[in-house]
Protein backbone atom coordinates (compact mmCIF):
# COMPACT_ATOMS: atom_id res chain seq x y z
CA MET A 1 -8.63 -17.46 2.08
CA THR A 2 -6.30 -15.80 4.48
CA GLY A 3 -5.76 -11.94 3.95
CA HIS A 4 -2.84 -10.51 2.95
CA ILE A 5 -1.63 -6.18 3.54
CA VAL A 6 1.06 -5.70 1.32
CA PRO A 7 2.83 -1.59 1.72
CA ILE A 8 5.17 -0.95 -1.04
CA GLY A 9 7.47 2.05 -0.23
CA ALA A 10 6.00 4.46 -4.11
CA GLY A 11 2.72 4.30 -5.77
CA ARG A 12 2.87 5.90 -9.13
CA ALA A 13 6.19 5.85 -9.84
CA VAL A 14 5.84 0.93 -9.16
CA MET A 15 2.42 1.36 -11.08
CA ASP A 16 3.63 3.13 -13.92
CA ARG A 17 6.42 0.08 -14.00
CA VAL A 18 4.22 -2.53 -15.84
CA TYR A 19 6.35 -5.41 -15.91
CA ASP A 20 7.41 -4.93 -12.33
CA PRO A 21 7.48 -8.19 -10.55
CA LEU A 22 5.76 -6.07 -7.37
CA HIS A 23 2.84 -6.52 -9.44
CA ASP A 24 2.79 -10.55 -10.45
CA TYR A 25 3.48 -10.82 -6.69
CA VAL A 26 0.57 -9.29 -5.12
CA LEU A 27 -1.50 -11.04 -7.97
CA ASP A 28 0.08 -14.55 -6.91
CA LEU A 29 -1.03 -14.26 -3.13
CA THR A 30 -4.60 -14.86 -4.25
CA GLY A 31 -3.80 -18.25 -5.61
CA LYS A 32 -6.05 -17.74 -8.53
CA ASP A 33 -5.43 -17.62 -12.58
CA ASP A 34 -7.70 -15.34 -12.77
CA PRO A 35 -7.84 -12.39 -9.85
CA VAL A 36 -10.45 -10.06 -9.49
CA VAL A 37 -8.22 -6.23 -9.08
CA LEU A 38 -10.12 -3.23 -7.62
CA PHE A 39 -8.39 0.29 -7.94
CA LEU A 40 -8.98 3.04 -5.32
CA PRO A 41 -8.01 6.49 -7.10
CA THR A 42 -9.08 8.54 -4.30
CA ALA A 43 -6.28 9.90 -3.14
CA THR A 44 -5.22 11.94 -6.56
CA GLY A 45 -8.89 12.96 -6.63
CA ASP A 46 -10.03 10.25 -9.35
CA ASP A 47 -7.09 11.37 -11.69
CA ALA A 48 -8.43 10.12 -14.83
CA SER A 49 -4.25 9.68 -16.00
CA TYR A 50 -4.10 6.96 -12.84
CA ILE A 51 -6.71 4.85 -13.87
CA VAL A 52 -5.77 4.80 -17.44
CA SER A 53 -2.16 3.32 -16.00
CA PHE A 54 -3.43 1.17 -13.50
CA TYR A 55 -5.24 -0.93 -17.34
CA GLU A 56 -2.16 -0.67 -18.66
CA THR A 57 -0.22 -2.51 -15.61
CA PHE A 58 -3.33 -4.69 -14.67
CA HIS A 59 -4.88 -5.28 -18.15
CA SER A 60 -6.89 -8.36 -18.39
CA GLY A 61 -4.78 -10.52 -19.45
CA ARG A 62 -3.51 -10.54 -16.11
CA CYS A 63 -6.60 -10.44 -14.04
CA ARG A 64 -10.25 -9.15 -14.37
CA PRO A 65 -9.36 -4.99 -13.19
CA ARG A 66 -12.00 -3.31 -11.69
CA HIS A 67 -11.65 1.05 -10.60
CA LEU A 68 -13.53 2.60 -8.19
CA ARG A 69 -14.37 5.96 -8.47
CA LEU A 70 -15.63 8.07 -5.09
CA PHE A 71 -15.79 12.16 -6.31
CA HIS A 72 -17.93 10.73 -9.08
CA ARG A 73 -19.68 7.82 -7.26
CA ASN A 74 -21.74 5.88 -9.93
CA LEU A 75 -23.09 3.42 -7.09
CA ASP A 76 -25.87 3.12 -4.83
CA ASP A 77 -24.28 0.06 -2.87
CA LEU A 78 -20.47 -0.73 -2.58
CA THR A 79 -21.10 -3.21 -1.34
CA ASP A 80 -20.59 -6.11 -3.86
CA LEU A 81 -18.03 -4.32 -5.89
CA VAL A 82 -15.36 -3.87 -3.09
CA LEU A 83 -16.32 -7.47 -1.71
CA GLY A 84 -15.66 -9.08 -4.88
CA ALA A 85 -12.21 -8.31 -5.24
CA ASP A 86 -9.44 -10.44 -4.89
CA VAL A 87 -7.10 -7.40 -4.41
CA ILE A 88 -8.03 -3.84 -3.52
CA HIS A 89 -4.81 -1.85 -4.89
CA VAL A 90 -4.80 2.21 -3.31
CA GLY A 91 -3.36 4.25 -5.15
CA GLY A 92 -1.12 7.66 -4.24
CA GLY A 93 -1.72 10.70 -3.53
CA ASN A 94 -3.28 12.49 -0.95
CA THR A 95 -3.50 10.33 2.38
CA ALA A 96 -5.30 12.81 4.77
CA ASN A 97 -8.23 13.82 2.01
CA MET A 98 -8.55 10.14 0.81
CA LEU A 99 -9.50 8.89 4.74
CA ASP A 100 -11.94 11.58 5.40
CA VAL A 101 -13.67 10.22 1.96
CA TRP A 102 -13.51 6.88 2.44
CA ARG A 103 -15.03 7.50 5.89
CA ARG A 104 -17.86 9.59 5.29
CA GLN A 105 -18.15 6.99 2.25
CA GLY A 106 -17.87 4.02 3.79
CA VAL A 107 -15.26 2.74 2.27
CA ASP A 108 -13.18 2.30 5.42
CA ALA A 109 -15.77 -0.18 6.68
CA LEU A 110 -15.38 -2.28 4.04
CA LEU A 111 -12.09 -3.11 3.44
CA HIS A 112 -12.15 -4.31 6.95
CA ARG A 113 -14.57 -6.59 5.72
CA ALA A 114 -12.79 -7.74 2.56
CA LEU A 115 -9.63 -8.09 4.69
CA ALA A 116 -11.58 -10.59 7.02
CA GLY A 117 -12.88 -12.64 3.52
CA GLY A 118 -9.15 -13.03 2.54
CA ALA A 119 -8.48 -9.91 -0.04
CA VAL A 120 -5.22 -8.54 -0.54
CA LEU A 121 -4.79 -4.91 0.53
CA THR A 122 -1.88 -2.89 -0.97
CA GLY A 123 -0.80 0.19 -2.52
CA GLY A 124 2.00 2.49 -2.17
CA SER A 125 2.69 5.38 -1.08
CA ALA A 126 -0.62 6.92 0.25
CA GLY A 127 -1.67 3.01 -0.88
CA GLY A 128 1.33 2.04 1.74
CA LEU A 129 0.80 3.98 4.98
CA CYS A 130 -3.53 3.95 5.14
CA TRP A 131 -2.97 0.25 6.09
CA PHE A 132 -1.15 1.70 9.71
CA GLU A 133 -2.43 3.81 12.04
CA GLY A 134 -0.02 6.95 11.73
CA GLY A 135 3.01 8.01 9.62
CA THR A 136 4.95 10.27 8.07
CA THR A 137 2.71 12.50 4.80
CA ASP A 138 2.73 15.73 2.52
CA SER A 139 -1.29 15.87 2.75
CA TYR A 140 -0.78 19.04 3.82
CA GLY A 141 1.51 20.83 1.55
CA PRO A 142 5.26 20.62 1.00
CA THR A 143 6.84 20.29 4.26
CA LEU A 144 6.04 16.79 5.47
CA GLN A 145 4.23 16.30 8.93
CA VAL A 146 2.75 12.98 11.12
CA LEU A 147 -0.49 11.85 10.04
CA HIS A 148 -2.26 9.89 12.91
CA GLU A 149 -5.71 9.07 11.45
CA GLY A 150 -4.79 5.48 9.63
CA LEU A 151 -7.07 2.74 9.30
CA GLY A 152 -5.10 0.71 11.93
CA MET A 153 -5.10 -2.40 10.79
CA ILE A 154 -1.79 -2.68 11.36
CA GLU A 155 -0.55 -1.54 14.43
CA GLY A 156 2.19 0.94 14.64
CA SER A 157 4.05 3.92 11.98
CA TYR A 158 5.03 3.44 8.42
CA CYS A 159 7.14 5.60 6.37
CA PRO A 160 7.21 5.43 2.63
CA HIS A 161 10.02 6.52 0.52
CA TYR A 162 12.60 6.28 3.04
CA ASP A 163 15.42 6.23 0.14
CA ALA A 164 13.68 8.84 -2.26
CA GLU A 165 12.84 11.76 0.08
CA ASP A 166 14.77 13.92 1.91
CA GLN A 167 12.74 14.62 4.79
CA ARG A 168 10.98 11.11 4.91
CA ARG A 169 13.39 9.53 7.44
CA PRO A 170 14.60 12.94 9.86
CA LEU A 171 11.04 13.45 10.33
CA PHE A 172 10.07 9.46 11.18
CA HIS A 173 12.93 9.79 13.33
CA ALA A 174 11.90 12.47 15.51
CA ALA A 175 8.49 11.64 15.93
CA LEU A 176 9.93 7.97 17.55
CA LEU A 177 11.64 9.65 19.73
CA ASP A 178 9.40 12.26 20.95
CA GLY A 179 6.30 9.54 20.66
CA SER A 180 4.24 10.91 18.44
CA LEU A 181 4.42 7.59 16.23
CA ALA A 182 4.64 4.23 17.50
CA THR A 183 7.42 1.80 16.79
CA GLY A 184 6.71 1.10 12.48
CA TYR A 185 8.41 -0.02 9.60
CA ALA A 186 10.07 1.70 6.24
CA SER A 187 10.84 0.60 3.07
CA TRP A 188 12.29 1.75 -0.39
CA ASN A 189 10.39 3.30 -3.19
CA ARG A 190 10.21 -0.33 -5.07
CA VAL A 191 10.21 -2.60 -1.95
CA ALA A 192 6.75 -4.26 -0.28
CA ILE A 193 6.50 -5.84 3.62
CA ARG A 194 3.95 -7.93 3.54
CA PHE A 195 1.25 -8.79 6.33
CA THR A 196 -0.91 -11.30 7.71
CA ALA A 197 -4.81 -9.90 8.48
CA ALA A 198 -3.49 -10.29 12.11
CA GLY A 199 -0.60 -7.27 11.27
CA GLU A 200 2.48 -9.43 11.62
CA VAL A 201 5.18 -9.33 9.33
CA VAL A 202 5.72 -12.43 6.66
CA GLU A 203 8.33 -11.02 4.73
CA ALA A 204 9.93 -8.00 2.91
CA VAL A 205 10.31 -8.20 -0.71
CA SER A 206 12.00 -6.00 -3.63
CA SER A 207 11.94 -5.44 -7.62
CA GLU A 208 15.51 -3.86 -7.32
CA PRO A 209 19.03 -4.68 -5.78
CA GLY A 210 19.73 -3.50 -2.79
CA GLY A 211 15.89 -2.34 -1.67
CA ARG A 212 15.64 -2.76 1.87
CA ALA A 213 12.72 -3.08 5.27
CA LEU A 214 13.48 -1.90 8.30
CA ARG A 215 11.37 -1.77 11.11
CA VAL A 216 12.02 1.30 13.22
CA PHE A 217 11.88 1.95 16.34
CA ALA A 218 13.30 4.13 19.28
CA GLN A 219 15.23 3.04 22.44
CA ASP A 220 16.34 5.16 24.78
CA GLY A 221 17.14 8.12 23.05
CA ARG A 222 18.37 6.79 20.06
CA ILE A 223 16.59 5.49 16.35
CA VAL A 224 17.59 1.66 15.90
CA GLU A 225 16.82 0.06 12.44
CA GLU A 226 15.86 -3.36 12.42
CA ASP A 227 16.77 -5.11 8.77
CA ILE A 228 13.85 -6.98 7.42
CA PRO A 229 15.22 -9.56 5.08
CA CYS A 230 14.58 -8.47 1.82
CA LEU A 231 13.89 -11.29 -1.00
CA LEU A 232 15.45 -9.41 -4.76
CA LEU A 233 12.39 -10.65 -7.10
CA ALA A 234 13.14 -12.02 -10.34
CA GLU A 235 12.32 -10.24 -13.81
CA ARG A 236 9.11 -12.03 -15.28
CA THR A 237 8.22 -12.30 -19.06
CA PRO A 238 5.08 -9.91 -19.81
CA SER A 239 2.35 -12.90 -19.63
CA ARG A 240 2.29 -13.34 -16.13
CA SER A 241 3.15 -17.43 -14.71
CA VAL A 242 1.17 -17.66 -11.70
CA SER A 243 2.68 -19.93 -8.68
CA ALA A 244 1.58 -23.05 -7.01
């Protein structure tokens, strides 16, 4: 089974949309009728309401849901839980804090192993940014800053919320122009970009009309935004239908 990485523009805002087609898109990538989906709510300090929202969306009629709390950890060995998941969904929140906790707990290494084993790694906002080398973040307060400590599974940088937060786009452009961030990607809130396990773009998909995904880079002192063709996903009925 080939692994995938699927960063999404928004985290909780998409999770709370129980029947958003992006959820079924991710589940279908596993090729399984009843995939195991593991939720990592680390970026919100394992917020209980976010975990409840996850189970409302990824319920047992759709998949086999699990979650991993690291602030009140009750497992000595996380290997079987993480590597046994077909999908690992990372919640939004504080990216910098999340990455620090993962590294102390050994989750970062397990995520690399999960991808090599064929898992689908996904999530929005912090859960989209973490797979890259760096990007824009609000981890350090209300003024956005640049983060460089991503997992580096995908080369370059990422800017979530490209259509929804006014500070994101100008900071991303400035960081690309001064070289503090490498060539990267940006997406609208309800847009996902699918990458291979090797970090190559496969496609972009959107659950709303007009959603965009972009490759963004500096060239001759100016910013270039190249659209990645974006497929509009069809709405589905509440019961998930798995494509062949």
